[in-house]
Amino acid sequence: MGYHLEVKARPRETAEKLIKRFSRKVKEARIVEEYRERMYYIKPSAKRRQAAARRKKVLEKLRKETNKTLIRKG
């Protein structure tokens, strides 16, 4: 998959700001993340296991936060 990101210099814009805008576009397009994901092949079953573990971790964190707020109110 190819990407075409273009950042043109604005009038009186410093090089640092131009680089910062370019970096922001790269992050928004998730180019680096996709590159890192594609560096190694991950079996579909392993991907599913990782996703399930992430979901479990997030749910556990939310559960702890709600318990803290309930304890404070109670």
PDB file of N, CA and C in Angstrom:
ATOM      1  N   MET A   1       0.853  -1.178   0.000  1.00  0.00           N
ATOM      2  CA  MET A   1       0.000   0.000   0.000  1.00  0.00           C
ATOM      3  C   MET A   1       0.892   1.232   0.000  1.00  0.00           C
ATOM      4  N   GLY A   2       0.695   2.099  -0.946  1.00  0.00           N
ATOM      5  CA  GLY A   2       1.521   3.288  -1.048  1.00  0.00           C
ATOM      6  C   GLY A   2       0.871   4.491  -0.392  1.00  0.00           C
ATOM      7  N   TYR A   3       1.701   5.395   0.008  1.00  0.00           N
ATOM      8  CA  TYR A   3       1.229   6.623   0.627  1.00  0.00           C
ATOM      9  C   TYR A   3       1.781   7.804  -0.142  1.00  0.00           C
ATOM     10  N   HIS A   4       1.004   8.839  -0.216  1.00  0.00           N
ATOM     11  CA  HIS A   4       1.469  10.070  -0.831  1.00  0.00           C
ATOM     12  C   HIS A   4       1.113  11.209   0.120  1.00  0.00           C
ATOM     13  N   LEU A   5       2.067  11.557   0.959  1.00  0.00           N
ATOM     14  CA  LEU A   5       1.884  12.667   1.884  1.00  0.00           C
ATOM     15  C   LEU A   5       2.681  13.849   1.360  1.00  0.00           C
ATOM     16  N   GLU A   6       2.019  14.956   1.270  1.00  0.00           N
ATOM     17  CA  GLU A   6       2.677  16.145   0.750  1.00  0.00           C
ATOM     18  C   GLU A   6       2.459  17.300   1.706  1.00  0.00           C
ATOM     19  N   VAL A   7       3.537  17.994   2.012  1.00  0.00           N
ATOM     20  CA  VAL A   7       3.472  19.161   2.874  1.00  0.00           C
ATOM     21  C   VAL A   7       4.212  20.276   2.158  1.00  0.00           C
ATOM     22  N   LYS A   8       3.485  21.302   1.804  1.00  0.00           N
ATOM     23  CA  LYS A   8       4.108  22.437   1.127  1.00  0.00           C
ATOM     24  C   LYS A   8       4.373  23.547   2.139  1.00  0.00           C
ATOM     25  N   ALA A   9       5.489  24.230   1.953  1.00  0.00           N
ATOM     26  CA  ALA A   9       5.860  25.299   2.862  1.00  0.00           C
ATOM     27  C   ALA A   9       4.893  26.476   2.719  1.00  0.00           C
ATOM     28  N   ARG A  10       4.476  26.983   3.844  1.00  0.00           N
ATOM     29  CA  ARG A  10       3.619  28.166   3.862  1.00  0.00           C
ATOM     30  C   ARG A  10       4.509  29.405   3.864  1.00  0.00           C
ATOM     31  N   PRO A  11       3.950  30.527   3.479  1.00  0.00           N
ATOM     32  CA  PRO A  11       4.760  31.758   3.495  1.00  0.00           C
ATOM     33  C   PRO A  11       5.284  32.048   4.901  1.00  0.00           C
ATOM     34  N   ARG A  12       6.531  32.351   4.989  1.00  0.00           N
ATOM     35  CA  ARG A  12       7.227  32.694   6.239  1.00  0.00           C
ATOM     36  C   ARG A  12       7.125  31.591   7.297  1.00  0.00           C
ATOM     37  N   GLU A  13       7.095  30.353   6.872  1.00  0.00           N
ATOM     38  CA  GLU A  13       7.045  29.239   7.815  1.00  0.00           C
ATOM     39  C   GLU A  13       8.461  28.701   8.009  1.00  0.00           C
ATOM     40  N   THR A  14       8.815  28.451   9.252  1.00  0.00           N
ATOM     41  CA  THR A  14      10.154  27.938   9.534  1.00  0.00           C
ATOM     42  C   THR A  14      10.234  26.459   9.163  1.00  0.00           C
ATOM     43  N   ALA A  15      11.449  25.989   8.991  1.00  0.00           N
ATOM     44  CA  ALA A  15      11.664  24.579   8.645  1.00  0.00           C
ATOM     45  C   ALA A  15      11.184  23.667   9.771  1.00  0.00           C
ATOM     46  N   GLU A  16      11.347  24.112  11.008  1.00  0.00           N
ATOM     47  CA  GLU A  16      10.920  23.294  12.152  1.00  0.00           C
ATOM     48  C   GLU A  16       9.417  23.064  12.129  1.00  0.00           C
ATOM     49  N   LYS A  17       8.653  24.120  11.829  1.00  0.00           N
ATOM     50  CA  LYS A  17       7.188  23.976  11.774  1.00  0.00           C
ATOM     51  C   LYS A  17       6.777  23.071  10.617  1.00  0.00           C
ATOM     52  N   LEU A  18       7.475  23.185   9.507  1.00  0.00           N
ATOM     53  CA  LEU A  18       7.178  22.347   8.348  1.00  0.00           C
ATOM     54  C   LEU A  18       7.410  20.873   8.685  1.00  0.00           C
ATOM     55  N   ILE A  19       8.512  20.598   9.339  1.00  0.00           N
ATOM     56  CA  ILE A  19       8.820  19.221   9.742  1.00  0.00           C
ATOM     57  C   ILE A  19       7.800  18.720  10.748  1.00  0.00           C
ATOM     58  N   LYS A  20       7.389  19.586  11.659  1.00  0.00           N
ATOM     59  CA  LYS A  20       6.401  19.205  12.665  1.00  0.00           C
ATOM     60  C   LYS A  20       5.051  18.866  12.020  1.00  0.00           C
ATOM     61  N   ARG A  21       4.644  19.657  11.016  1.00  0.00           N
ATOM     62  CA  ARG A  21       3.391  19.374  10.304  1.00  0.00           C
ATOM     63  C   ARG A  21       3.487  18.040   9.567  1.00  0.00           C
ATOM     64  N   PHE A  22       4.649  17.796   8.944  1.00  0.00           N
ATOM     65  CA  PHE A  22       4.844  16.533   8.235  1.00  0.00           C
ATOM     66  C   PHE A  22       4.779  15.358   9.208  1.00  0.00           C
ATOM     67  N   SER A  23       5.451  15.484  10.339  1.00  0.00           N
ATOM     68  CA  SER A  23       5.448  14.417  11.345  1.00  0.00           C
ATOM     69  C   SER A  23       4.033  14.134  11.835  1.00  0.00           C
ATOM     70  N   ARG A  24       3.256  15.194  12.025  1.00  0.00           N
ATOM     71  CA  ARG A  24       1.877  15.035  12.474  1.00  0.00           C
ATOM     72  C   ARG A  24       1.056  14.271  11.432  1.00  0.00           C
ATOM     73  N   LYS A  25       1.255  14.591  10.163  1.00  0.00           N
ATOM     74  CA  LYS A  25       0.522  13.884   9.102  1.00  0.00           C
ATOM     75  C   LYS A  25       0.903  12.414   9.064  1.00  0.00           C
ATOM     76  N   VAL A  26       2.184  12.125   9.245  1.00  0.00           N
ATOM     77  CA  VAL A  26       2.647  10.735   9.244  1.00  0.00           C
ATOM     78  C   VAL A  26       2.008   9.977  10.405  1.00  0.00           C
ATOM     79  N   LYS A  27       1.947  10.606  11.586  1.00  0.00           N
ATOM     80  CA  LYS A  27       1.336   9.949  12.741  1.00  0.00           C
ATOM     81  C   LYS A  27      -0.154   9.712  12.518  1.00  0.00           C
ATOM     82  N   GLU A  28      -0.852  10.696  11.955  1.00  0.00           N
ATOM     83  CA  GLU A  28      -2.288  10.561  11.707  1.00  0.00           C
ATOM     84  C   GLU A  28      -2.568   9.449  10.699  1.00  0.00           C
ATOM     85  N   ALA A  29      -1.678   9.276   9.730  1.00  0.00           N
ATOM     86  CA  ALA A  29      -1.858   8.241   8.721  1.00  0.00           C
ATOM     87  C   ALA A  29      -1.423   6.867   9.227  1.00  0.00           C
ATOM     88  N   ARG A  30      -0.815   6.821  10.421  1.00  0.00           N
ATOM     89  CA  ARG A  30      -0.353   5.582  11.049  1.00  0.00           C
ATOM     90  C   ARG A  30       0.617   4.808  10.160  1.00  0.00           C
ATOM     91  N   ILE A  31       1.489   5.516   9.474  1.00  0.00           N
ATOM     92  CA  ILE A  31       2.440   4.876   8.562  1.00  0.00           C
ATOM     93  C   ILE A  31       3.475   4.064   9.335  1.00  0.00           C
ATOM     94  N   VAL A  32       4.046   4.639  10.370  1.00  0.00           N
ATOM     95  CA  VAL A  32       5.092   3.950  11.127  1.00  0.00           C
ATOM     96  C   VAL A  32       4.523   2.730  11.835  1.00  0.00           C
ATOM     97  N   GLU A  33       3.324   2.876  12.413  1.00  0.00           N
ATOM     98  CA  GLU A  33       2.701   1.741  13.102  1.00  0.00           C
ATOM     99  C   GLU A  33       2.441   0.599  12.139  1.00  0.00           C
ATOM    100  N   GLU A  34       1.949   0.923  10.956  1.00  0.00           N
ATOM    101  CA  GLU A  34       1.674  -0.123   9.974  1.00  0.00           C
ATOM    102  C   GLU A  34       2.968  -0.799   9.541  1.00  0.00           C
ATOM    103  N   TYR A  35       4.022  -0.017   9.376  1.00  0.00           N
ATOM    104  CA  TYR A  35       5.316  -0.588   8.999  1.00  0.00           C
ATOM    105  C   TYR A  35       5.780  -1.582  10.058  1.00  0.00           C
ATOM    106  N   ARG A  36       5.671  -1.186  11.317  1.00  0.00           N
ATOM    107  CA  ARG A  36       6.115  -2.071  12.397  1.00  0.00           C
ATOM    108  C   ARG A  36       5.259  -3.332  12.469  1.00  0.00           C
ATOM    109  N   GLU A  37       3.966  -3.192  12.206  1.00  0.00           N
ATOM    110  CA  GLU A  37       3.089  -4.362  12.226  1.00  0.00           C
ATOM    111  C   GLU A  37       3.442  -5.325  11.100  1.00  0.00           C
ATOM    112  N   ARG A  38       3.833  -4.798   9.960  1.00  0.00           N
ATOM    113  CA  ARG A  38       4.119  -5.643   8.792  1.00  0.00           C
ATOM    114  C   ARG A  38       5.543  -6.195   8.775  1.00  0.00           C
ATOM    115  N   MET A  39       6.372  -5.780   9.724  1.00  0.00           N
ATOM    116  CA  MET A  39       7.747  -6.276   9.752  1.00  0.00           C
ATOM    117  C   MET A  39       7.782  -7.790   9.947  1.00  0.00           C
ATOM    118  N   TYR A  40       6.879  -8.323  10.755  1.00  0.00           N
ATOM    119  CA  TYR A  40       6.841  -9.741  11.057  1.00  0.00           C
ATOM    120  C   TYR A  40       5.442 -10.267  10.811  1.00  0.00           C
ATOM    121  N   TYR A  41       5.368 -11.497  10.364  1.00  0.00           N
ATOM    122  CA  TYR A  41       4.074 -12.120  10.157  1.00  0.00           C
ATOM    123  C   TYR A  41       3.553 -12.624  11.496  1.00  0.00           C
ATOM    124  N   ILE A  42       2.305 -12.291  11.774  1.00  0.00           N
ATOM    125  CA  ILE A  42       1.642 -12.783  12.979  1.00  0.00           C
ATOM    126  C   ILE A  42       0.448 -13.604  12.540  1.00  0.00           C
ATOM    127  N   LYS A  43       0.392 -14.828  13.037  1.00  0.00           N
ATOM    128  CA  LYS A  43      -0.707 -15.703  12.652  1.00  0.00           C
ATOM    129  C   LYS A  43      -2.035 -15.097  13.089  1.00  0.00           C
ATOM    130  N   PRO A  44      -3.099 -15.326  12.313  1.00  0.00           N
ATOM    131  CA  PRO A  44      -4.410 -14.781  12.675  1.00  0.00           C
ATOM    132  C   PRO A  44      -4.868 -15.196  14.075  1.00  0.00           C
ATOM    133  N   SER A  45      -4.560 -16.419  14.462  1.00  0.00           N
ATOM    134  CA  SER A  45      -4.964 -16.861  15.803  1.00  0.00           C
ATOM    135  C   SER A  45      -4.226 -16.070  16.877  1.00  0.00           C
ATOM    136  N   ALA A  46      -2.962 -15.750  16.622  1.00  0.00           N
ATOM    137  CA  ALA A  46      -2.191 -14.956  17.585  1.00  0.00           C
ATOM    138  C   ALA A  46      -2.738 -13.534  17.648  1.00  0.00           C
ATOM    139  N   LYS A  47      -3.149 -12.992  16.516  1.00  0.00           N
ATOM    140  CA  LYS A  47      -3.749 -11.651  16.505  1.00  0.00           C
ATOM    141  C   LYS A  47      -5.016 -11.625  17.337  1.00  0.00           C
ATOM    142  N   ARG A  48      -5.835 -12.666  17.177  1.00  0.00           N
ATOM    143  CA  ARG A  48      -7.081 -12.735  17.952  1.00  0.00           C
ATOM    144  C   ARG A  48      -6.790 -12.833  19.445  1.00  0.00           C
ATOM    145  N   ARG A  49      -5.784 -13.638  19.808  1.00  0.00           N
ATOM    146  CA  ARG A  49      -5.417 -13.762  21.214  1.00  0.00           C
ATOM    147  C   ARG A  49      -4.934 -12.440  21.789  1.00  0.00           C
ATOM    148  N   GLN A  50      -4.130 -11.710  21.014  1.00  0.00           N
ATOM    149  CA  GLN A  50      -3.640 -10.414  21.469  1.00  0.00           C
ATOM    150  C   GLN A  50      -4.791  -9.424  21.639  1.00  0.00           C
ATOM    151  N   ALA A  51      -5.731  -9.429  20.688  1.00  0.00           N
ATOM    152  CA  ALA A  51      -6.871  -8.522  20.770  1.00  0.00           C
ATOM    153  C   ALA A  51      -7.723  -8.853  21.995  1.00  0.00           C
ATOM    154  N   ALA A  52      -7.917 -10.139  22.258  1.00  0.00           N
ATOM    155  CA  ALA A  52      -8.710 -10.545  23.417  1.00  0.00           C
ATOM    156  C   ALA A  52      -8.023 -10.120  24.718  1.00  0.00           C
ATOM    157  N   ALA A  53      -6.710 -10.271  24.761  1.00  0.00           N
ATOM    158  CA  ALA A  53      -5.967  -9.871  25.959  1.00  0.00           C
ATOM    159  C   ALA A  53      -6.057  -8.365  26.173  1.00  0.00           C
ATOM    160  N   ARG A  54      -5.974  -7.599  25.066  1.00  0.00           N
ATOM    161  CA  ARG A  54      -6.104  -6.139  25.177  1.00  0.00           C
ATOM    162  C   ARG A  54      -7.475  -5.753  25.693  1.00  0.00           C
ATOM    163  N   ARG A  55      -8.515  -6.400  25.139  1.00  0.00           N
ATOM    164  CA  ARG A  55      -9.886  -6.110  25.591  1.00  0.00           C
ATOM    165  C   ARG A  55     -10.042  -6.415  27.075  1.00  0.00           C
ATOM    166  N   LYS A  56      -9.515  -7.558  27.490  1.00  0.00           N
ATOM    167  CA  LYS A  56      -9.621  -7.970  28.880  1.00  0.00           C
ATOM    168  C   LYS A  56      -8.933  -6.959  29.801  1.00  0.00           C
ATOM    169  N   LYS A  57      -7.769  -6.482  29.377  1.00  0.00           N
ATOM    170  CA  LYS A  57      -7.018  -5.514  30.172  1.00  0.00           C
ATOM    171  C   LYS A  57      -7.779  -4.198  30.304  1.00  0.00           C
ATOM    172  N   VAL A  58      -8.357  -3.729  29.208  1.00  0.00           N
ATOM    173  CA  VAL A  58      -9.112  -2.474  29.225  1.00  0.00           C
ATOM    174  C   VAL A  58     -10.352  -2.617  30.102  1.00  0.00           C
ATOM    175  N   LEU A  59     -11.063  -3.722  29.955  1.00  0.00           N
ATOM    176  CA  LEU A  59     -12.267  -3.936  30.768  1.00  0.00           C
ATOM    177  C   LEU A  59     -11.926  -4.016  32.254  1.00  0.00           C
ATOM    178  N   GLU A  60     -10.826  -4.676  32.573  1.00  0.00           N
ATOM    179  CA  GLU A  60     -10.419  -4.782  33.968  1.00  0.00           C
ATOM    180  C   GLU A  60     -10.080  -3.403  34.535  1.00  0.00           C
ATOM    181  N   LYS A  61      -9.420  -2.590  33.747  1.00  0.00           N
ATOM    182  CA  LYS A  61      -9.079  -1.231  34.183  1.00  0.00           C
ATOM    183  C   LYS A  61     -10.346  -0.412  34.420  1.00  0.00           C
ATOM    184  N   LEU A  62     -11.314  -0.510  33.507  1.00  0.00           N
ATOM    185  CA  LEU A  62     -12.575   0.209  33.674  1.00  0.00           C
ATOM    186  C   LEU A  62     -13.328  -0.269  34.909  1.00  0.00           C
ATOM    187  N   ARG A  63     -13.303  -1.574  35.130  1.00  0.00           N
ATOM    188  CA  ARG A  63     -13.983  -2.141  36.287  1.00  0.00           C
ATOM    189  C   ARG A  63     -13.378  -1.601  37.587  1.00  0.00           C
ATOM    190  N   LYS A  64     -12.051  -1.515  37.624  1.00  0.00           N
ATOM    191  CA  LYS A  64     -11.387  -0.985  38.824  1.00  0.00           C
ATOM    192  C   LYS A  64     -11.748   0.474  39.047  1.00  0.00           C
ATOM    193  N   GLU A  65     -11.778   1.262  37.965  1.00  0.00           N
ATOM    194  CA  GLU A  65     -12.111   2.676  38.089  1.00  0.00           C
ATOM    195  C   GLU A  65     -13.540   2.870  38.585  1.00  0.00           C
ATOM    196  N   THR A  66     -14.487   2.079  38.071  1.00  0.00           N
ATOM    197  CA  THR A  66     -15.871   2.223  38.512  1.00  0.00           C
ATOM    198  C   THR A  66     -16.020   1.784  39.962  1.00  0.00           C
ATOM    199  N   ASN A  67     -15.274   0.763  40.366  1.00  0.00           N
ATOM    200  CA  ASN A  67     -15.327   0.334  41.765  1.00  0.00           C
ATOM    201  C   ASN A  67     -14.795   1.425  42.683  1.00  0.00           C
ATOM    202  N   LYS A  68     -13.739   2.115  42.269  1.00  0.00           N
ATOM    203  CA  LYS A  68     -13.187   3.212  43.073  1.00  0.00           C
ATOM    204  C   LYS A  68     -14.208   4.318  43.253  1.00  0.00           C
ATOM    205  N   THR A  69     -14.903   4.681  42.172  1.00  0.00           N
ATOM    206  CA  THR A  69     -15.890   5.763  42.263  1.00  0.00           C
ATOM    207  C   THR A  69     -17.089   5.331  43.097  1.00  0.00           C
ATOM    208  N   LEU A  70     -17.477   4.068  43.003  1.00  0.00           N
ATOM    209  CA  LEU A  70     -18.600   3.582  43.798  1.00  0.00           C
ATOM    210  C   LEU A  70     -18.256   3.560  45.292  1.00  0.00           C
ATOM    211  N   ILE A  71     -17.042   3.188  45.604  1.00  0.00           N
ATOM    212  CA  ILE A  71     -16.607   3.141  47.002  1.00  0.00           C
ATOM    213  C   ILE A  71     -16.575   4.556  47.594  1.00  0.00           C
ATOM    214  N   ARG A  72     -16.102   5.522  46.828  1.00  0.00           N
ATOM    215  CA  ARG A  72     -16.048   6.899  47.294  1.00  0.00           C
ATOM    216  C   ARG A  72     -17.434   7.458  47.551  1.00  0.00           C
ATOM    217  N   LYS A  73     -18.372   7.146  46.657  1.00  0.00           N
ATOM    218  CA  LYS A  73     -19.737   7.666  46.803  1.00  0.00           C
ATOM    219  C   LYS A  73     -20.469   6.978  47.945  1.00  0.00           C
ATOM    220  N   GLY A  74     -20.200   5.685  48.116  1.00  0.00           N
ATOM    221  CA  GLY A  74     -20.928   4.874  49.081  1.00  0.00           C
ATOM    222  C   GLY A  74     -20.511   5.143  50.460  1.00  0.00           C
TER     223      GLY A  74
END
